């Protein structure tokens, strides 16, 4: 796996500022998208001339999937989602989009083409992307790791795209259907905190952080 030459861009999308991430190889004009949120116009503009290899979903809450249908049809790219939320893309009640009508219309799209599972390695964009099942915020929440895992040597350069599991000085909410606080903490301590301290955490909302900073300072863990 080579992270060299990889460009990572973030887009704050929709009414609650969901972070969508674009990982690209500029020299190859190829990219993947993690969590295309609602109102994806800025992201759509950016990818107009890019080949999108895949859409990866950390989970299927409405604010993380709002752009899936439009981008998938525009770019003819597959969607990856954990099987625990296989029905959420097709069911607005399950993905939560009917619960907050003031934020937008119900969201419904076709099922994901590929299922994600714990320990899986995706080979996309010339990368090996490790999949960690990190439930707690939602039953199918996953985190994507680029770089060394677990921390068995003093390596740096690891990137973590964790959705709504771990935030800067906070953690994901567990009061939504399928959420469990004990599971969330197990995911953080048992999987995410095995990553090197220098690992950059790209969360579903808010600013970047690192594993070491959260281990030392996050009051919720």
N, C-alpha and C. Protein backbone atom coordinates (compact mmCIF):
# COMPACT_ATOMS: atom_id res chain seq x y z
N UNK A 1 0.83 -1.19 0.00
CA UNK A 1 0.00 0.00 0.00
C UNK A 1 0.87 1.24 0.00
N UNK A 2 0.50 2.23 -0.78
CA UNK A 2 1.24 3.48 -0.80
C UNK A 2 0.30 4.66 -0.62
N UNK A 3 0.54 5.44 0.46
CA UNK A 3 -0.25 6.64 0.69
C UNK A 3 0.40 7.83 0.00
N UNK A 4 1.63 7.64 -0.47
CA UNK A 4 2.35 8.72 -1.13
C UNK A 4 1.56 9.22 -2.33
N UNK A 5 1.41 10.53 -2.42
CA UNK A 5 0.69 11.12 -3.54
C UNK A 5 -0.82 11.18 -3.36
N UNK A 6 -1.31 10.68 -2.24
CA UNK A 6 -2.75 10.71 -1.98
C UNK A 6 -3.16 12.10 -1.50
N UNK A 7 -4.24 12.62 -2.06
CA UNK A 7 -4.78 13.91 -1.65
C UNK A 7 -6.09 13.69 -0.91
N UNK A 8 -6.22 14.29 0.26
CA UNK A 8 -7.43 14.16 1.08
C UNK A 8 -8.09 15.52 1.21
N UNK A 9 -9.34 15.61 0.76
CA UNK A 9 -10.10 16.86 0.85
C UNK A 9 -11.38 16.60 1.63
N UNK A 10 -11.83 17.60 2.38
CA UNK A 10 -13.07 17.47 3.14
C UNK A 10 -14.07 18.52 2.70
N UNK A 11 -15.35 18.16 2.80
CA UNK A 11 -16.46 19.04 2.44
C UNK A 11 -17.50 18.96 3.54
N UNK A 12 -17.84 20.09 4.12
CA UNK A 12 -18.88 20.12 5.15
C UNK A 12 -20.22 20.31 4.45
N UNK A 13 -21.07 19.29 4.50
CA UNK A 13 -22.28 19.27 3.69
C UNK A 13 -23.55 19.21 4.54
N UNK A 14 -24.61 19.80 4.03
CA UNK A 14 -25.93 19.67 4.63
C UNK A 14 -26.15 20.54 5.84
N UNK A 15 -27.37 20.47 6.39
CA UNK A 15 -27.78 21.37 7.47
C UNK A 15 -27.08 21.13 8.80
N UNK A 16 -26.46 19.96 8.97
CA UNK A 16 -25.75 19.72 10.24
C UNK A 16 -24.25 19.49 10.01
N UNK A 17 -23.76 19.98 8.91
CA UNK A 17 -22.32 19.99 8.66
C UNK A 17 -21.65 18.63 8.70
N UNK A 18 -22.12 17.70 7.90
CA UNK A 18 -21.51 16.38 7.84
C UNK A 18 -20.27 16.43 6.95
N UNK A 19 -19.19 15.85 7.43
CA UNK A 19 -17.95 15.83 6.66
C UNK A 19 -17.97 14.72 5.62
N UNK A 20 -17.86 15.12 4.36
CA UNK A 20 -17.62 14.17 3.27
C UNK A 20 -16.15 14.27 2.92
N UNK A 21 -15.54 13.14 2.60
CA UNK A 21 -14.11 13.12 2.28
C UNK A 21 -13.88 12.59 0.87
N UNK A 22 -13.02 13.30 0.16
CA UNK A 22 -12.62 12.91 -1.18
C UNK A 22 -11.15 12.53 -1.14
N UNK A 23 -10.86 11.28 -1.44
CA UNK A 23 -9.48 10.78 -1.49
C UNK A 23 -9.14 10.59 -2.96
N UNK A 24 -8.10 11.27 -3.42
CA UNK A 24 -7.84 11.23 -4.86
C UNK A 24 -6.36 11.04 -5.17
N UNK A 25 -6.12 10.55 -6.37
CA UNK A 25 -4.80 10.46 -6.97
C UNK A 25 -4.81 11.44 -8.15
N UNK A 26 -4.41 12.69 -7.91
CA UNK A 26 -4.52 13.71 -8.96
C UNK A 26 -3.86 13.32 -10.28
N UNK A 27 -2.73 12.61 -10.19
CA UNK A 27 -2.02 12.25 -11.42
C UNK A 27 -2.77 11.21 -12.23
N UNK A 28 -3.70 10.50 -11.59
CA UNK A 28 -4.47 9.46 -12.27
C UNK A 28 -5.92 9.87 -12.51
N UNK A 29 -6.32 11.01 -11.97
CA UNK A 29 -7.69 11.51 -12.13
C UNK A 29 -8.72 10.55 -11.54
N UNK A 30 -8.33 9.84 -10.48
CA UNK A 30 -9.21 8.87 -9.83
C UNK A 30 -9.43 9.24 -8.37
N UNK A 31 -10.58 8.83 -7.83
CA UNK A 31 -10.89 9.17 -6.45
C UNK A 31 -11.90 8.20 -5.86
N UNK A 32 -12.00 8.22 -4.52
CA UNK A 32 -13.09 7.57 -3.81
C UNK A 32 -13.70 8.60 -2.87
N UNK A 33 -14.94 8.37 -2.50
CA UNK A 33 -15.67 9.29 -1.62
C UNK A 33 -16.09 8.54 -0.38
N UNK A 34 -15.90 9.17 0.77
CA UNK A 34 -16.39 8.62 2.03
C UNK A 34 -17.50 9.53 2.55
N UNK A 35 -18.69 8.99 2.70
CA UNK A 35 -19.86 9.67 3.29
C UNK A 35 -20.29 10.93 2.53
N UNK A 36 -20.85 10.78 1.34
CA UNK A 36 -21.37 11.96 0.63
C UNK A 36 -22.68 12.43 1.26
N UNK A 37 -22.61 13.50 2.01
CA UNK A 37 -23.76 13.96 2.79
C UNK A 37 -24.80 14.71 1.98
N UNK A 38 -25.72 15.35 2.70
CA UNK A 38 -26.82 16.07 2.07
C UNK A 38 -26.33 17.34 1.38
N UNK A 39 -27.12 17.80 0.42
CA UNK A 39 -26.79 19.03 -0.32
C UNK A 39 -25.35 18.98 -0.85
N UNK A 40 -25.05 18.00 -1.71
CA UNK A 40 -23.66 17.75 -2.09
C UNK A 40 -23.13 18.60 -3.24
N UNK A 41 -23.72 19.74 -3.51
CA UNK A 41 -23.34 20.54 -4.67
C UNK A 41 -21.83 20.85 -4.72
N UNK A 42 -21.19 21.27 -3.60
CA UNK A 42 -19.75 21.54 -3.67
C UNK A 42 -18.93 20.30 -4.04
N UNK A 43 -19.34 19.15 -3.53
CA UNK A 43 -18.65 17.90 -3.84
C UNK A 43 -18.87 17.52 -5.30
N UNK A 44 -20.09 17.68 -5.79
CA UNK A 44 -20.39 17.36 -7.18
C UNK A 44 -19.56 18.22 -8.13
N UNK A 45 -19.40 19.47 -7.79
CA UNK A 45 -18.59 20.37 -8.62
C UNK A 45 -17.14 19.90 -8.66
N UNK A 46 -16.65 19.48 -7.51
CA UNK A 46 -15.25 19.06 -7.42
C UNK A 46 -14.99 17.79 -8.21
N UNK A 47 -15.92 16.87 -8.26
CA UNK A 47 -15.68 15.57 -8.89
C UNK A 47 -16.12 15.52 -10.35
N UNK A 48 -16.49 16.66 -10.90
CA UNK A 48 -17.03 16.69 -12.26
C UNK A 48 -16.14 15.96 -13.26
N UNK A 49 -14.84 16.12 -13.13
CA UNK A 49 -13.91 15.52 -14.09
C UNK A 49 -13.10 14.36 -13.52
N UNK A 50 -13.59 13.80 -12.41
CA UNK A 50 -12.89 12.69 -11.77
C UNK A 50 -13.61 11.37 -12.02
N UNK A 51 -12.82 10.30 -12.09
CA UNK A 51 -13.39 8.96 -12.09
C UNK A 51 -13.53 8.51 -10.64
N UNK A 52 -14.75 8.23 -10.21
CA UNK A 52 -14.99 7.80 -8.84
C UNK A 52 -15.04 6.28 -8.79
N UNK A 53 -14.09 5.69 -8.08
CA UNK A 53 -14.02 4.24 -8.01
C UNK A 53 -15.07 3.65 -7.07
N UNK A 54 -15.41 4.38 -6.01
CA UNK A 54 -16.36 3.83 -5.03
C UNK A 54 -16.83 4.90 -4.07
N UNK A 55 -17.99 4.65 -3.48
CA UNK A 55 -18.50 5.43 -2.35
C UNK A 55 -18.46 4.52 -1.14
N UNK A 56 -17.72 4.92 -0.11
CA UNK A 56 -17.63 4.16 1.13
C UNK A 56 -18.46 4.85 2.20
N UNK A 57 -19.29 4.10 2.89
CA UNK A 57 -20.14 4.67 3.93
C UNK A 57 -19.71 4.16 5.30
N UNK A 58 -19.42 5.10 6.21
CA UNK A 58 -19.12 4.70 7.58
C UNK A 58 -20.37 4.18 8.27
N UNK A 59 -21.52 4.70 7.89
CA UNK A 59 -22.82 4.22 8.35
C UNK A 59 -23.89 4.89 7.50
N UNK A 60 -25.14 4.55 7.72
CA UNK A 60 -26.19 4.98 6.80
C UNK A 60 -27.22 5.91 7.43
N UNK A 61 -26.81 6.74 8.38
CA UNK A 61 -27.70 7.81 8.83
C UNK A 61 -27.89 8.83 7.71
N UNK A 62 -29.06 9.45 7.68
CA UNK A 62 -29.46 10.30 6.57
C UNK A 62 -28.45 11.38 6.22
N UNK A 63 -27.82 11.96 7.23
CA UNK A 63 -26.91 13.08 6.96
C UNK A 63 -25.61 12.64 6.31
N UNK A 64 -25.35 11.33 6.29
CA UNK A 64 -24.14 10.80 5.66
C UNK A 64 -24.41 10.21 4.28
N UNK A 65 -25.66 10.05 3.90
CA UNK A 65 -25.99 9.36 2.64
C UNK A 65 -26.76 10.22 1.66
N UNK A 66 -26.96 11.49 1.98
CA UNK A 66 -27.81 12.34 1.15
C UNK A 66 -27.36 12.46 -0.30
N UNK A 67 -26.05 12.37 -0.55
CA UNK A 67 -25.55 12.50 -1.91
C UNK A 67 -25.32 11.19 -2.64
N UNK A 68 -25.62 10.07 -1.98
CA UNK A 68 -25.32 8.76 -2.56
C UNK A 68 -26.00 8.56 -3.91
N UNK A 69 -27.30 8.79 -3.96
CA UNK A 69 -28.07 8.48 -5.16
C UNK A 69 -27.57 9.28 -6.36
N UNK A 70 -27.39 10.58 -6.16
CA UNK A 70 -26.97 11.44 -7.27
C UNK A 70 -25.57 11.09 -7.75
N UNK A 71 -24.66 10.87 -6.84
CA UNK A 71 -23.28 10.58 -7.24
C UNK A 71 -23.17 9.19 -7.86
N UNK A 72 -23.86 8.22 -7.30
CA UNK A 72 -23.79 6.87 -7.86
C UNK A 72 -24.30 6.84 -9.30
N UNK A 73 -25.40 7.55 -9.56
CA UNK A 73 -25.95 7.57 -10.92
C UNK A 73 -25.06 8.37 -11.86
N UNK A 74 -24.50 9.47 -11.37
CA UNK A 74 -23.66 10.33 -12.19
C UNK A 74 -22.35 9.65 -12.58
N UNK A 75 -21.76 8.92 -11.62
CA UNK A 75 -20.43 8.35 -11.82
C UNK A 75 -20.42 6.84 -12.02
N UNK A 76 -21.59 6.19 -11.94
CA UNK A 76 -21.68 4.74 -12.12
C UNK A 76 -20.69 3.99 -11.22
N UNK A 77 -20.70 4.38 -9.95
CA UNK A 77 -19.74 3.79 -9.00
C UNK A 77 -20.50 2.98 -7.94
N UNK A 78 -19.88 1.94 -7.41
CA UNK A 78 -20.53 1.11 -6.40
C UNK A 78 -20.47 1.74 -5.01
N UNK A 79 -21.39 1.30 -4.16
CA UNK A 79 -21.48 1.76 -2.77
C UNK A 79 -21.15 0.59 -1.85
N UNK A 80 -20.39 0.89 -0.79
CA UNK A 80 -20.00 -0.11 0.21
C UNK A 80 -20.61 0.28 1.55
N UNK A 81 -21.26 -0.70 2.22
CA UNK A 81 -21.93 -0.45 3.50
C UNK A 81 -21.96 -1.75 4.30
N UNK A 82 -21.87 -1.63 5.62
CA UNK A 82 -21.94 -2.83 6.46
C UNK A 82 -23.34 -3.45 6.39
N UNK A 83 -23.37 -4.79 6.42
CA UNK A 83 -24.63 -5.52 6.28
C UNK A 83 -25.63 -5.24 7.40
N UNK A 84 -25.14 -4.82 8.57
CA UNK A 84 -26.07 -4.52 9.67
C UNK A 84 -27.01 -3.37 9.33
N UNK A 85 -26.64 -2.59 8.33
CA UNK A 85 -27.51 -1.49 7.90
C UNK A 85 -27.88 -1.63 6.43
N UNK A 86 -27.96 -2.88 5.96
CA UNK A 86 -28.22 -3.15 4.55
C UNK A 86 -29.53 -2.54 4.07
N UNK A 87 -30.53 -2.46 4.96
CA UNK A 87 -31.85 -1.96 4.57
C UNK A 87 -31.99 -0.45 4.72
N UNK A 88 -30.99 0.20 5.28
CA UNK A 88 -31.16 1.61 5.63
C UNK A 88 -31.19 2.53 4.42
N UNK A 89 -30.48 2.17 3.35
CA UNK A 89 -30.49 3.02 2.17
C UNK A 89 -31.85 3.05 1.50
N UNK A 90 -32.59 1.95 1.62
CA UNK A 90 -33.89 1.85 0.96
C UNK A 90 -35.05 2.27 1.85
N UNK A 91 -34.78 2.52 3.12
CA UNK A 91 -35.85 2.77 4.09
C UNK A 91 -35.61 4.10 4.81
N UNK A 92 -36.35 5.16 4.45
CA UNK A 92 -36.17 6.47 5.08
C UNK A 92 -36.40 6.46 6.59
N UNK A 93 -37.24 5.57 7.06
CA UNK A 93 -37.49 5.49 8.50
C UNK A 93 -36.25 4.97 9.22
N UNK A 94 -35.59 3.96 8.64
CA UNK A 94 -34.40 3.40 9.27
C UNK A 94 -33.23 4.37 9.21
N UNK A 95 -33.05 5.08 8.11
CA UNK A 95 -31.91 6.00 8.02
C UNK A 95 -32.17 7.33 8.72
N UNK A 96 -33.38 7.51 9.25
CA UNK A 96 -33.67 8.67 10.08
C UNK A 96 -34.14 9.90 9.35
N UNK A 97 -34.26 9.84 8.03
CA UNK A 97 -34.60 11.04 7.27
C UNK A 97 -36.06 11.47 7.44
N UNK A 98 -36.91 10.56 7.94
CA UNK A 98 -38.30 10.96 8.21
C UNK A 98 -38.47 11.57 9.59
N UNK A 99 -37.45 11.41 10.43
CA UNK A 99 -37.54 11.91 11.80
C UNK A 99 -37.33 13.41 11.88
N UNK A 100 -36.62 13.95 10.91
CA UNK A 100 -36.30 15.39 10.93
C UNK A 100 -36.74 16.03 9.62
N UNK A 101 -38.05 16.13 9.37
CA UNK A 101 -38.53 16.68 8.10
C UNK A 101 -38.09 18.11 7.85
N UNK A 102 -37.79 18.82 8.93
CA UNK A 102 -37.35 20.21 8.76
C UNK A 102 -35.96 20.30 8.11
N UNK A 103 -35.23 19.17 8.08
CA UNK A 103 -33.89 19.18 7.51
C UNK A 103 -33.87 18.75 6.05
N UNK A 104 -34.97 18.20 5.55
CA UNK A 104 -35.00 17.77 4.16
C UNK A 104 -36.00 16.66 3.92
N UNK A 105 -36.15 16.29 2.65
CA UNK A 105 -37.10 15.25 2.26
C UNK A 105 -36.57 13.87 2.65
N UNK A 106 -37.44 12.87 2.74
CA UNK A 106 -37.00 11.51 3.01
C UNK A 106 -35.97 11.05 1.98
N UNK A 107 -34.98 10.31 2.44
CA UNK A 107 -33.89 9.85 1.57
C UNK A 107 -34.04 8.36 1.32
N UNK A 108 -34.05 8.00 0.05
CA UNK A 108 -34.21 6.60 -0.34
C UNK A 108 -33.41 6.34 -1.62
N UNK A 109 -32.62 5.28 -1.61
CA UNK A 109 -31.85 4.93 -2.79
C UNK A 109 -31.71 3.40 -2.85
N UNK A 110 -31.05 2.91 -3.87
CA UNK A 110 -30.88 1.47 -4.03
C UNK A 110 -29.93 0.92 -2.96
N UNK A 111 -29.98 -0.38 -2.71
CA UNK A 111 -29.07 -0.99 -1.74
C UNK A 111 -27.61 -0.83 -2.18
N UNK A 112 -26.71 -1.03 -1.23
CA UNK A 112 -25.28 -1.00 -1.54
C UNK A 112 -24.91 -2.20 -2.41
N UNK A 113 -23.95 -2.01 -3.26
CA UNK A 113 -23.47 -3.11 -4.11
C UNK A 113 -22.59 -4.08 -3.35
N UNK A 114 -21.86 -3.58 -2.35
CA UNK A 114 -20.91 -4.43 -1.63
C UNK A 114 -21.08 -4.26 -0.12
N UNK A 115 -20.91 -5.38 0.60
CA UNK A 115 -21.01 -5.37 2.06
C UNK A 115 -19.63 -5.24 2.69
N UNK A 116 -19.58 -4.51 3.78
CA UNK A 116 -18.35 -4.36 4.56
C UNK A 116 -18.39 -5.25 5.79
N UNK A 117 -17.20 -5.68 6.24
CA UNK A 117 -17.15 -6.53 7.43
C UNK A 117 -15.83 -6.31 8.16
N UNK A 118 -15.83 -6.64 9.44
CA UNK A 118 -14.66 -6.50 10.28
C UNK A 118 -13.45 -7.24 9.70
N UNK A 119 -12.32 -6.53 9.62
CA UNK A 119 -11.09 -7.14 9.17
C UNK A 119 -10.90 -7.19 7.67
N UNK A 120 -11.91 -6.78 6.93
CA UNK A 120 -11.82 -6.77 5.47
C UNK A 120 -10.80 -5.75 5.00
N UNK A 121 -10.14 -6.03 3.90
CA UNK A 121 -9.24 -5.07 3.28
C UNK A 121 -9.74 -4.74 1.88
N UNK A 122 -10.07 -3.48 1.67
CA UNK A 122 -10.51 -3.02 0.35
C UNK A 122 -9.29 -2.55 -0.43
N UNK A 123 -9.26 -2.91 -1.69
CA UNK A 123 -8.18 -2.47 -2.57
C UNK A 123 -8.76 -1.49 -3.56
N UNK A 124 -8.61 -0.22 -3.24
CA UNK A 124 -9.15 0.86 -4.05
C UNK A 124 -8.12 1.97 -4.17
N UNK A 125 -8.05 2.60 -5.31
CA UNK A 125 -7.20 3.76 -5.52
C UNK A 125 -5.72 3.44 -5.25
N UNK A 126 -5.35 2.17 -5.46
CA UNK A 126 -3.98 1.77 -5.18
C UNK A 126 -3.68 1.67 -3.70
N UNK A 127 -4.72 1.62 -2.87
CA UNK A 127 -4.56 1.57 -1.42
C UNK A 127 -5.10 0.26 -0.87
N UNK A 128 -4.57 -0.13 0.29
CA UNK A 128 -5.18 -1.17 1.10
C UNK A 128 -5.93 -0.45 2.22
N UNK A 129 -7.24 -0.53 2.20
CA UNK A 129 -8.06 0.16 3.19
C UNK A 129 -8.65 -0.86 4.15
N UNK A 130 -8.21 -0.81 5.40
CA UNK A 130 -8.65 -1.76 6.42
C UNK A 130 -10.02 -1.34 6.96
N UNK A 131 -10.92 -2.30 7.07
CA UNK A 131 -12.27 -2.03 7.59
C UNK A 131 -12.36 -2.54 9.03
N UNK A 132 -12.75 -1.66 9.94
CA UNK A 132 -13.01 -2.03 11.32
C UNK A 132 -14.49 -1.83 11.61
N UNK A 133 -15.14 -2.87 12.12
CA UNK A 133 -16.53 -2.73 12.54
C UNK A 133 -16.53 -2.06 13.91
N UNK A 134 -17.06 -0.84 13.97
CA UNK A 134 -17.01 -0.05 15.20
C UNK A 134 -18.41 0.40 15.60
N UNK A 135 -19.27 -0.53 16.00
CA UNK A 135 -20.65 -0.19 16.35
C UNK A 135 -20.74 0.58 17.66
N UNK A 136 -21.90 1.10 17.91
CA UNK A 136 -22.18 1.86 19.12
C UNK A 136 -23.00 3.09 18.80
N UNK A 137 -22.52 3.87 17.85
CA UNK A 137 -23.32 4.98 17.35
C UNK A 137 -24.48 4.43 16.52
N UNK A 138 -24.18 3.43 15.72
CA UNK A 138 -25.19 2.69 14.96
C UNK A 138 -24.67 1.27 14.79
N UNK A 139 -25.56 0.30 14.52
CA UNK A 139 -25.12 -1.10 14.49
C UNK A 139 -24.13 -1.43 13.39
N UNK A 140 -24.17 -0.70 12.29
CA UNK A 140 -23.28 -1.00 11.18
C UNK A 140 -22.15 -0.01 11.00
N UNK A 141 -21.88 0.79 12.01
CA UNK A 141 -20.80 1.77 11.89
C UNK A 141 -19.47 1.07 11.65
N UNK A 142 -18.72 1.58 10.68
CA UNK A 142 -17.38 1.08 10.42
C UNK A 142 -16.40 2.25 10.38
N UNK A 143 -15.13 1.93 10.55
CA UNK A 143 -14.06 2.90 10.41
C UNK A 143 -13.09 2.38 9.35
N UNK A 144 -12.57 3.30 8.56
CA UNK A 144 -11.63 2.95 7.49
C UNK A 144 -10.23 3.41 7.88
N UNK A 145 -9.27 2.50 7.81
CA UNK A 145 -7.90 2.79 8.23
C UNK A 145 -6.97 2.70 7.03
N UNK A 146 -6.18 3.74 6.84
CA UNK A 146 -5.11 3.74 5.86
C UNK A 146 -3.80 3.85 6.63
N UNK A 147 -2.98 2.80 6.60
CA UNK A 147 -1.73 2.83 7.32
C UNK A 147 -1.61 1.66 8.27
N UNK A 148 -0.57 1.66 9.13
CA UNK A 148 -0.30 0.50 9.98
C UNK A 148 -1.38 0.25 11.02
N UNK A 149 -1.78 -1.01 11.16
CA UNK A 149 -2.75 -1.42 12.17
C UNK A 149 -2.50 -2.88 12.50
N UNK A 150 -2.40 -3.28 13.79
CA UNK A 150 -2.42 -2.39 14.96
C UNK A 150 -1.08 -1.71 15.16
N UNK A 151 -0.94 -1.01 16.28
CA UNK A 151 0.28 -0.22 16.54
C UNK A 151 1.38 -1.13 17.10
N UNK A 152 1.96 -1.96 16.24
CA UNK A 152 2.98 -2.89 16.70
C UNK A 152 4.38 -2.37 16.42
N UNK A 153 4.48 -1.15 15.91
CA UNK A 153 5.78 -0.52 15.69
C UNK A 153 5.57 0.99 15.66
N UNK A 154 6.62 1.76 15.89
CA UNK A 154 6.47 3.21 15.97
C UNK A 154 6.31 3.86 14.60
N UNK A 155 5.30 3.40 13.86
CA UNK A 155 5.06 3.93 12.53
C UNK A 155 4.08 5.09 12.59
N UNK A 156 4.24 6.00 11.67
CA UNK A 156 3.30 7.12 11.58
C UNK A 156 2.70 7.14 10.18
N UNK A 157 1.87 8.13 9.91
CA UNK A 157 1.27 8.24 8.60
C UNK A 157 -0.04 7.51 8.46
N UNK A 158 -0.65 7.13 9.58
CA UNK A 158 -1.93 6.43 9.54
C UNK A 158 -3.07 7.44 9.52
N UNK A 159 -4.10 7.12 8.73
CA UNK A 159 -5.29 7.95 8.64
C UNK A 159 -6.51 7.11 9.01
N UNK A 160 -7.42 7.69 9.79
CA UNK A 160 -8.63 7.00 10.22
C UNK A 160 -9.85 7.83 9.84
N UNK A 161 -10.77 7.21 9.11
CA UNK A 161 -12.04 7.83 8.77
C UNK A 161 -13.11 7.08 9.55
N UNK A 162 -13.54 7.68 10.67
CA UNK A 162 -14.35 6.95 11.64
C UNK A 162 -15.81 7.33 11.72
N UNK A 163 -16.28 8.17 10.82
CA UNK A 163 -17.69 8.55 10.89
C UNK A 163 -18.02 9.21 12.22
N UNK A 164 -19.08 8.73 12.86
CA UNK A 164 -19.56 9.36 14.09
C UNK A 164 -19.21 8.55 15.34
N UNK A 165 -18.08 7.85 15.30
CA UNK A 165 -17.64 7.09 16.46
C UNK A 165 -16.86 7.97 17.43
N UNK A 166 -15.82 8.62 16.92
CA UNK A 166 -14.92 9.42 17.76
C UNK A 166 -14.76 10.81 17.16
N UNK A 167 -14.99 11.83 17.99
CA UNK A 167 -14.82 13.22 17.57
C UNK A 167 -13.71 13.87 18.40
N UNK A 168 -13.35 15.09 18.02
CA UNK A 168 -12.41 15.84 18.84
C UNK A 168 -13.08 16.19 20.16
N UNK A 169 -12.57 15.62 21.25
CA UNK A 169 -13.06 15.82 22.61
C UNK A 169 -14.52 15.43 22.78
N UNK A 170 -14.98 14.48 21.98
CA UNK A 170 -16.35 13.99 22.11
C UNK A 170 -16.45 12.62 21.46
N UNK A 171 -17.65 12.04 21.54
CA UNK A 171 -17.92 10.75 20.90
C UNK A 171 -19.30 10.81 20.26
N UNK A 172 -19.61 9.82 19.45
CA UNK A 172 -20.90 9.78 18.78
C UNK A 172 -22.05 9.54 19.75
N UNK A 173 -23.20 10.09 19.42
CA UNK A 173 -24.38 9.89 20.25
C UNK A 173 -24.86 8.44 20.15
N UNK A 174 -25.48 7.97 21.22
CA UNK A 174 -25.94 6.56 21.25
C UNK A 174 -27.42 6.45 21.54
N UNK A 175 -28.15 7.57 21.42
CA UNK A 175 -29.57 7.57 21.74
C UNK A 175 -30.45 7.36 20.52
N UNK A 176 -29.86 7.06 19.37
CA UNK A 176 -30.62 6.77 18.16
C UNK A 176 -30.84 5.26 18.05
N UNK A 177 -31.81 4.80 17.25
CA UNK A 177 -32.08 3.37 17.13
C UNK A 177 -30.83 2.56 16.81
N UNK A 178 -30.60 1.53 17.59
CA UNK A 178 -29.43 0.67 17.37
C UNK A 178 -28.18 1.14 18.07
N UNK A 179 -28.24 2.32 18.72
CA UNK A 179 -27.07 2.84 19.41
C UNK A 179 -26.92 2.23 20.80
N UNK A 180 -25.66 2.02 21.22
CA UNK A 180 -25.38 1.47 22.54
C UNK A 180 -24.08 2.05 23.06
N UNK A 181 -24.14 2.71 24.20
CA UNK A 181 -22.95 3.39 24.72
C UNK A 181 -21.84 2.42 25.08
N UNK A 182 -22.18 1.26 25.62
CA UNK A 182 -21.16 0.28 25.98
C UNK A 182 -20.43 -0.22 24.73
N UNK A 183 -21.19 -0.45 23.66
CA UNK A 183 -20.58 -0.89 22.40
C UNK A 183 -19.67 0.19 21.83
N UNK A 184 -20.10 1.43 21.92
CA UNK A 184 -19.29 2.54 21.40
C UNK A 184 -17.94 2.60 22.10
N UNK A 185 -17.95 2.51 23.41
CA UNK A 185 -16.70 2.56 24.17
C UNK A 185 -15.83 1.35 23.86
N UNK A 186 -16.45 0.19 23.67
CA UNK A 186 -15.69 -1.00 23.29
C UNK A 186 -15.01 -0.81 21.93
N UNK A 187 -15.73 -0.18 21.01
CA UNK A 187 -15.17 0.08 19.69
C UNK A 187 -13.97 1.02 19.78
N UNK A 188 -14.11 2.05 20.59
CA UNK A 188 -13.04 3.04 20.70
C UNK A 188 -11.81 2.45 21.38
N UNK A 189 -12.02 1.82 22.54
CA UNK A 189 -10.89 1.28 23.29
C UNK A 189 -10.31 0.02 22.66
N UNK A 190 -11.19 -0.83 22.13
CA UNK A 190 -10.74 -2.12 21.63
C UNK A 190 -10.19 -2.09 20.22
N UNK A 191 -10.53 -1.06 19.46
CA UNK A 191 -10.08 -1.01 18.06
C UNK A 191 -9.37 0.29 17.71
N UNK A 192 -10.03 1.42 17.92
CA UNK A 192 -9.42 2.68 17.49
C UNK A 192 -8.18 3.03 18.30
N UNK A 193 -8.21 2.76 19.60
CA UNK A 193 -7.06 3.12 20.44
C UNK A 193 -5.89 2.15 20.29
N UNK A 194 -6.02 1.17 19.39
CA UNK A 194 -4.89 0.32 19.04
C UNK A 194 -4.04 0.96 17.94
N UNK A 195 -4.55 2.03 17.35
CA UNK A 195 -3.82 2.72 16.30
C UNK A 195 -2.71 3.57 16.90
N UNK A 196 -1.70 3.89 16.11
CA UNK A 196 -0.61 4.75 16.61
C UNK A 196 -1.13 6.10 17.09
N UNK A 197 -0.47 6.67 18.09
CA UNK A 197 -0.88 7.97 18.64
C UNK A 197 -0.97 9.04 17.57
N UNK A 198 -0.09 8.98 16.58
CA UNK A 198 -0.03 10.01 15.55
C UNK A 198 -1.13 9.89 14.51
N UNK A 199 -1.93 8.83 14.59
CA UNK A 199 -3.00 8.62 13.61
C UNK A 199 -3.91 9.84 13.53
N UNK A 200 -4.10 10.34 12.32
CA UNK A 200 -5.01 11.47 12.11
C UNK A 200 -6.43 10.94 11.99
N UNK A 201 -7.33 11.49 12.81
CA UNK A 201 -8.72 11.08 12.82
C UNK A 201 -9.54 12.09 12.03
N UNK A 202 -10.21 11.60 10.99
CA UNK A 202 -11.10 12.42 10.19
C UNK A 202 -12.54 12.05 10.57
N UNK A 203 -13.19 12.85 11.40
CA UNK A 203 -14.50 12.47 11.93
C UNK A 203 -15.66 12.87 11.01
N UNK A 204 -16.83 12.37 11.34
CA UNK A 204 -18.02 12.67 10.55
C UNK A 204 -18.52 14.10 10.72
N UNK A 205 -18.11 14.74 11.79
CA UNK A 205 -18.48 16.15 12.04
C UNK A 205 -17.31 16.80 12.77
N UNK A 206 -17.11 18.09 12.52
CA UNK A 206 -16.09 18.83 13.25
C UNK A 206 -14.70 18.67 12.68
N UNK A 207 -13.73 19.10 13.46
CA UNK A 207 -12.35 19.18 12.99
C UNK A 207 -11.57 17.90 13.23
N UNK A 208 -10.45 17.80 12.52
CA UNK A 208 -9.57 16.64 12.67
C UNK A 208 -8.96 16.60 14.06
N UNK A 209 -8.51 15.41 14.43
CA UNK A 209 -7.82 15.24 15.70
C UNK A 209 -6.84 14.08 15.53
N UNK A 210 -6.26 13.61 16.62
CA UNK A 210 -5.39 12.43 16.56
C UNK A 210 -5.79 11.44 17.65
N UNK A 211 -5.42 10.21 17.45
CA UNK A 211 -5.72 9.17 18.45
C UNK A 211 -5.06 9.51 19.78
N UNK A 212 -3.80 9.92 19.75
CA UNK A 212 -3.10 10.23 20.99
C UNK A 212 -3.76 11.36 21.76
N UNK A 213 -4.18 12.40 21.04
CA UNK A 213 -4.82 13.54 21.71
C UNK A 213 -6.12 13.11 22.37
N UNK A 214 -6.91 12.28 21.70
CA UNK A 214 -8.19 11.85 22.28
C UNK A 214 -7.97 10.89 23.45
N UNK A 215 -6.97 10.03 23.33
CA UNK A 215 -6.69 9.11 24.43
C UNK A 215 -6.32 9.89 25.70
N UNK A 216 -5.62 11.00 25.54
CA UNK A 216 -5.14 11.77 26.68
C UNK A 216 -6.14 12.82 27.16
N UNK A 217 -7.03 13.29 26.29
CA UNK A 217 -7.83 14.47 26.65
C UNK A 217 -9.34 14.31 26.54
N UNK A 218 -9.81 13.32 25.83
CA UNK A 218 -11.26 13.19 25.61
C UNK A 218 -11.97 12.78 26.89
N UNK A 219 -12.88 13.63 27.42
CA UNK A 219 -13.52 13.32 28.69
C UNK A 219 -14.54 12.19 28.63
N UNK A 220 -14.91 11.75 27.43
CA UNK A 220 -15.94 10.73 27.29
C UNK A 220 -15.39 9.32 27.19
N UNK A 221 -14.06 9.20 27.11
CA UNK A 221 -13.47 7.87 26.95
C UNK A 221 -12.50 7.52 28.07
